[in-house]
N, C-alpha and C. Protein backbone atom coordinates (compact mmCIF):
# COMPACT_ATOMS: atom_id res chain seq x y z
N UNK A 1 3.99 -0.50 2.05
CA UNK A 1 2.62 -1.57 1.55
C UNK A 1 1.53 -0.96 2.19
N UNK A 2 0.68 -0.81 0.99
CA UNK A 2 -0.63 -0.44 1.40
C UNK A 2 -1.61 -1.35 1.47
N UNK A 3 -2.76 -1.48 2.22
CA UNK A 3 -3.74 -2.55 2.41
C UNK A 3 -5.09 -1.97 2.21
N UNK A 4 -5.86 -2.49 1.43
CA UNK A 4 -7.41 -2.07 1.12
C UNK A 4 -8.52 -3.16 1.83
N UNK A 5 -9.45 -2.86 1.95
CA UNK A 5 -10.52 -3.90 2.20
C UNK A 5 -10.72 -5.02 1.27
N UNK A 6 -10.93 -4.51 0.09
CA UNK A 6 -11.34 -5.32 -1.03
C UNK A 6 -10.21 -5.25 -2.00
N UNK A 7 -10.15 -6.43 -3.12
CA UNK A 7 -9.18 -6.17 -4.21
C UNK A 7 -9.86 -5.08 -4.96
N UNK A 8 -8.82 -4.26 -5.61
CA UNK A 8 -9.13 -3.14 -6.55
C UNK A 8 -9.74 -3.58 -7.73
N UNK A 9 -10.58 -2.68 -8.42
CA UNK A 9 -11.20 -2.83 -9.68
C UNK A 9 -10.29 -2.46 -10.59
N UNK A 10 -10.30 -2.80 -11.84
CA UNK A 10 -9.59 -2.32 -13.02
C UNK A 10 -9.44 -0.98 -13.16
N UNK A 11 -10.53 -0.17 -12.86
CA UNK A 11 -10.66 1.15 -12.72
C UNK A 11 -9.64 1.81 -11.79
N UNK A 12 -9.62 1.26 -10.55
CA UNK A 12 -8.99 1.65 -9.43
C UNK A 12 -7.30 1.29 -9.84
N UNK A 13 -7.30 0.34 -10.53
CA UNK A 13 -5.65 0.06 -10.69
C UNK A 13 -5.10 1.25 -11.76
N UNK A 14 -5.97 1.74 -12.78
CA UNK A 14 -5.60 2.52 -13.50
C UNK A 14 -5.45 3.98 -12.81
N UNK A 15 -6.45 4.26 -11.77
CA UNK A 15 -6.01 5.44 -11.06
C UNK A 15 -4.79 5.38 -10.55
N UNK A 16 -4.39 4.21 -9.75
CA UNK A 16 -3.15 4.27 -9.09
C UNK A 16 -2.08 4.35 -10.33
N UNK A 17 -2.11 3.94 -11.26
CA UNK A 17 -1.00 3.86 -12.25
C UNK A 17 -0.84 5.57 -12.56
N UNK A 18 -1.96 6.31 -12.58
CA UNK A 18 -1.79 7.80 -12.69
C UNK A 18 -1.27 8.45 -11.82
N UNK A 19 -1.09 7.80 -10.27
CA UNK A 19 -0.35 8.41 -9.25
C UNK A 19 1.27 8.32 -9.40
N UNK A 20 1.92 7.42 -10.42
CA UNK A 20 2.84 7.18 -10.54
C UNK A 20 3.74 8.39 -10.99
N UNK A 21 5.06 8.42 -10.83
CA UNK A 21 5.79 9.52 -11.22
C UNK A 21 7.36 8.95 -11.33
N UNK A 22 8.16 9.99 -11.74
CA UNK A 22 9.70 9.72 -11.63
C UNK A 22 10.17 9.04 -10.17
N UNK A 23 9.47 9.53 -9.24
CA UNK A 23 9.88 9.10 -7.97
C UNK A 23 8.99 7.97 -7.40
N UNK A 24 7.63 7.73 -7.59
CA UNK A 24 7.04 6.89 -7.15
C UNK A 24 6.37 5.94 -8.29
N UNK A 25 6.81 4.60 -7.71
CA UNK A 25 6.09 3.45 -8.57
C UNK A 25 5.11 2.51 -7.97
N UNK A 26 4.13 1.90 -8.56
CA UNK A 26 3.19 1.34 -7.59
C UNK A 26 2.99 -0.26 -8.19
N UNK A 27 2.56 -1.06 -7.54
CA UNK A 27 2.37 -2.54 -8.06
C UNK A 27 0.93 -3.05 -7.21
N UNK A 28 -0.01 -3.42 -7.82
CA UNK A 28 -1.25 -4.12 -7.17
C UNK A 28 -1.12 -5.60 -7.13
N UNK A 29 -1.38 -6.21 -5.92
CA UNK A 29 -1.74 -7.67 -6.01
C UNK A 29 -2.83 -7.73 -5.02
N UNK A 30 -4.05 -8.12 -5.65
CA UNK A 30 -5.28 -7.96 -4.84
C UNK A 30 -5.61 -6.89 -3.82
N UNK A 31 -5.47 -7.30 -2.50
CA UNK A 31 -5.62 -6.11 -1.80
C UNK A 31 -4.48 -5.60 -1.23
N UNK A 32 -3.18 -5.58 -1.89
CA UNK A 32 -2.13 -5.09 -1.49
C UNK A 32 -1.65 -4.15 -2.59
N UNK A 33 -1.23 -2.83 -2.14
CA UNK A 33 -0.52 -2.02 -2.96
C UNK A 33 1.04 -1.80 -2.50
N UNK A 34 1.75 -2.15 -3.50
CA UNK A 34 3.28 -1.98 -3.14
C UNK A 34 3.82 -0.72 -3.86
N UNK A 35 4.49 0.24 -2.92
CA UNK A 35 4.89 1.63 -3.31
C UNK A 35 6.37 1.55 -3.12
N UNK A 36 7.04 1.77 -4.26
CA UNK A 36 8.35 2.09 -4.22
C UNK A 36 8.73 3.69 -4.70
N UNK A 37 9.26 4.10 -3.38
CA UNK A 37 9.58 5.63 -3.57
C UNK A 37 11.10 5.58 -3.87
N UNK A 38 11.64 6.34 -4.75
CA UNK A 38 12.95 6.31 -5.16
C UNK A 38 13.60 7.42 -4.28
N UNK A 39 13.12 8.11 -3.50
CA UNK A 39 13.83 9.11 -2.63
C UNK A 39 13.26 9.17 -1.41
N UNK A 40 13.42 9.95 -0.29
CA UNK A 40 12.93 10.01 0.84
C UNK A 40 11.42 10.08 0.88
N UNK A 41 10.63 9.22 1.50
CA UNK A 41 9.27 9.38 1.35
C UNK A 41 8.63 10.88 1.76
N UNK A 42 9.33 11.42 2.59
CA UNK A 42 9.00 12.74 2.89
C UNK A 42 9.06 13.85 1.67
N UNK A 43 10.01 13.40 0.58
CA UNK A 43 10.12 14.21 -0.75
C UNK A 43 9.28 13.79 -1.46
N UNK A 44 8.36 12.89 -1.38
CA UNK A 44 7.34 12.47 -2.27
C UNK A 44 6.09 13.17 -2.17
N UNK A 45 5.52 13.48 -3.51
CA UNK A 45 4.16 14.01 -3.50
C UNK A 45 2.98 13.06 -3.01
N UNK A 46 3.04 11.79 -3.20
CA UNK A 46 2.30 10.85 -2.67
C UNK A 46 2.33 10.60 -1.32
N UNK A 47 0.74 10.32 -0.91
CA UNK A 47 0.58 10.36 0.52
C UNK A 47 -0.79 9.38 0.46
N UNK A 48 -0.80 8.78 1.90
CA UNK A 48 -2.15 8.04 2.01
C UNK A 48 -3.37 8.81 1.75
N UNK A 49 -3.21 10.09 2.05
CA UNK A 49 -4.52 11.07 1.91
C UNK A 49 -5.02 11.22 0.45
N UNK A 50 -3.83 11.33 -0.68
CA UNK A 50 -4.14 11.42 -1.95
C UNK A 50 -4.33 10.01 -2.49
N UNK A 51 -3.95 8.81 -1.91
CA UNK A 51 -4.50 7.58 -2.17
C UNK A 51 -6.05 7.48 -2.19
N UNK A 52 -6.32 7.53 -0.82
CA UNK A 52 -7.84 7.52 -0.49
C UNK A 52 -8.73 8.49 -1.12
N UNK A 53 -8.08 9.74 -1.43
CA UNK A 53 -9.05 10.60 -2.25
C UNK A 53 -9.24 10.03 -3.92
N UNK A 54 -8.02 9.46 -4.33
CA UNK A 54 -8.28 9.22 -5.71
C UNK A 54 -9.08 7.93 -5.69
N UNK A 55 -9.06 7.15 -4.89
CA UNK A 55 -9.72 5.74 -5.07
C UNK A 55 -11.08 5.78 -4.15
N UNK A 56 -11.41 6.82 -3.55
CA UNK A 56 -12.54 6.86 -2.63
C UNK A 56 -12.72 5.59 -1.79
N UNK A 57 -11.54 5.18 -1.03
CA UNK A 57 -11.65 4.09 -0.32
C UNK A 57 -10.54 4.37 0.84
N UNK A 58 -10.63 3.74 2.00
CA UNK A 58 -9.96 3.78 3.24
C UNK A 58 -8.67 2.79 2.81
N UNK A 59 -7.61 3.07 3.44
CA UNK A 59 -6.23 2.33 3.39
C UNK A 59 -5.51 2.41 4.53
N UNK A 60 -4.43 1.73 4.60
CA UNK A 60 -3.47 2.12 5.50
C UNK A 60 -2.07 1.56 4.84
N UNK A 61 -1.04 2.26 5.03
CA UNK A 61 0.35 2.10 4.39
C UNK A 61 1.13 1.83 5.70
N UNK A 62 2.07 0.87 5.61
CA UNK A 62 2.86 0.49 6.68
C UNK A 62 4.30 0.07 5.98
N UNK A 63 5.51 0.38 6.54
CA UNK A 63 6.59 -0.09 6.39
C UNK A 63 6.83 -1.57 6.26
N UNK A 64 7.99 -1.97 5.65
CA UNK A 64 8.24 -3.50 5.54
C UNK A 64 8.71 -4.03 6.84
N UNK A 65 9.20 -3.26 7.68
CA UNK A 65 9.41 -3.75 8.91
C UNK A 65 8.35 -4.03 10.00
N UNK A 66 7.50 -2.97 9.78
CA UNK A 66 6.09 -3.13 10.65
C UNK A 66 5.49 -4.45 9.93
N UNK A 67 5.33 -4.56 8.75
CA UNK A 67 4.67 -5.68 8.05
C UNK A 67 5.24 -7.14 8.43
N UNK A 68 6.47 -7.26 8.43
CA UNK A 68 7.52 -8.34 9.01
C UNK A 68 6.81 -8.59 10.51
N UNK A 69 6.97 -7.60 11.27
CA UNK A 69 6.59 -8.02 12.51
C UNK A 69 5.05 -8.31 12.86
N UNK A 70 4.23 -7.84 11.99
CA UNK A 70 2.72 -8.20 11.95
C UNK A 70 2.83 -9.74 11.54
N UNK A 71 3.49 -10.26 10.42
CA UNK A 71 3.40 -11.36 10.12
C UNK A 71 3.88 -12.30 11.17
N UNK A 72 5.06 -12.09 11.73
CA UNK A 72 5.48 -12.97 12.96
C UNK A 72 4.66 -13.28 14.15
N UNK A 73 3.94 -11.98 14.44
CA UNK A 73 3.13 -12.06 15.46
C UNK A 73 1.93 -12.94 15.28
N UNK A 74 1.35 -13.10 13.99
CA UNK A 74 0.20 -13.64 13.47
C UNK A 74 0.80 -15.39 13.50
N UNK A 75 2.01 -15.73 13.01
CA UNK A 75 2.37 -16.87 12.95
C UNK A 75 2.53 -17.29 14.19
N UNK A 76 2.98 -16.77 15.20
CA UNK A 76 3.30 -17.02 16.64
C UNK A 76 1.84 -17.41 17.20
N UNK A 77 0.91 -16.50 16.79
CA UNK A 77 -0.55 -16.73 17.51
C UNK A 77 -1.07 -18.17 16.92
N UNK A 78 -0.86 -18.38 15.59
CA UNK A 78 -1.59 -19.73 14.97
C UNK A 78 -0.71 -20.68 15.73
N UNK A 79 0.40 -20.58 15.92
CA UNK A 79 1.19 -21.74 16.44
C UNK A 79 0.70 -22.18 17.93
N UNK A 80 0.50 -21.16 18.74
CA UNK A 80 -0.03 -21.27 20.08
C UNK A 80 -1.51 -21.91 19.94
N UNK A 81 -2.15 -21.99 19.16
CA UNK A 81 -3.47 -22.23 18.99
C UNK A 81 -3.62 -23.72 18.43
């Protein structure tokens, strides 16, 4: 999953569609970019650097396990407050 600072414009969404391949598929929801890689990610031609160059914006990509842990920490912090 990739995260960007602001929701992507229609032009940016089309640019992401241009990054798709037989190996890589993308879905955008607001500020979130979901990346489905059909092989090992190291075998993919896609990278965060390619994404940032294509969209001219900064981003971060994290795995599902990391995102789950971050969500759990956020929920726990909100519960304490």
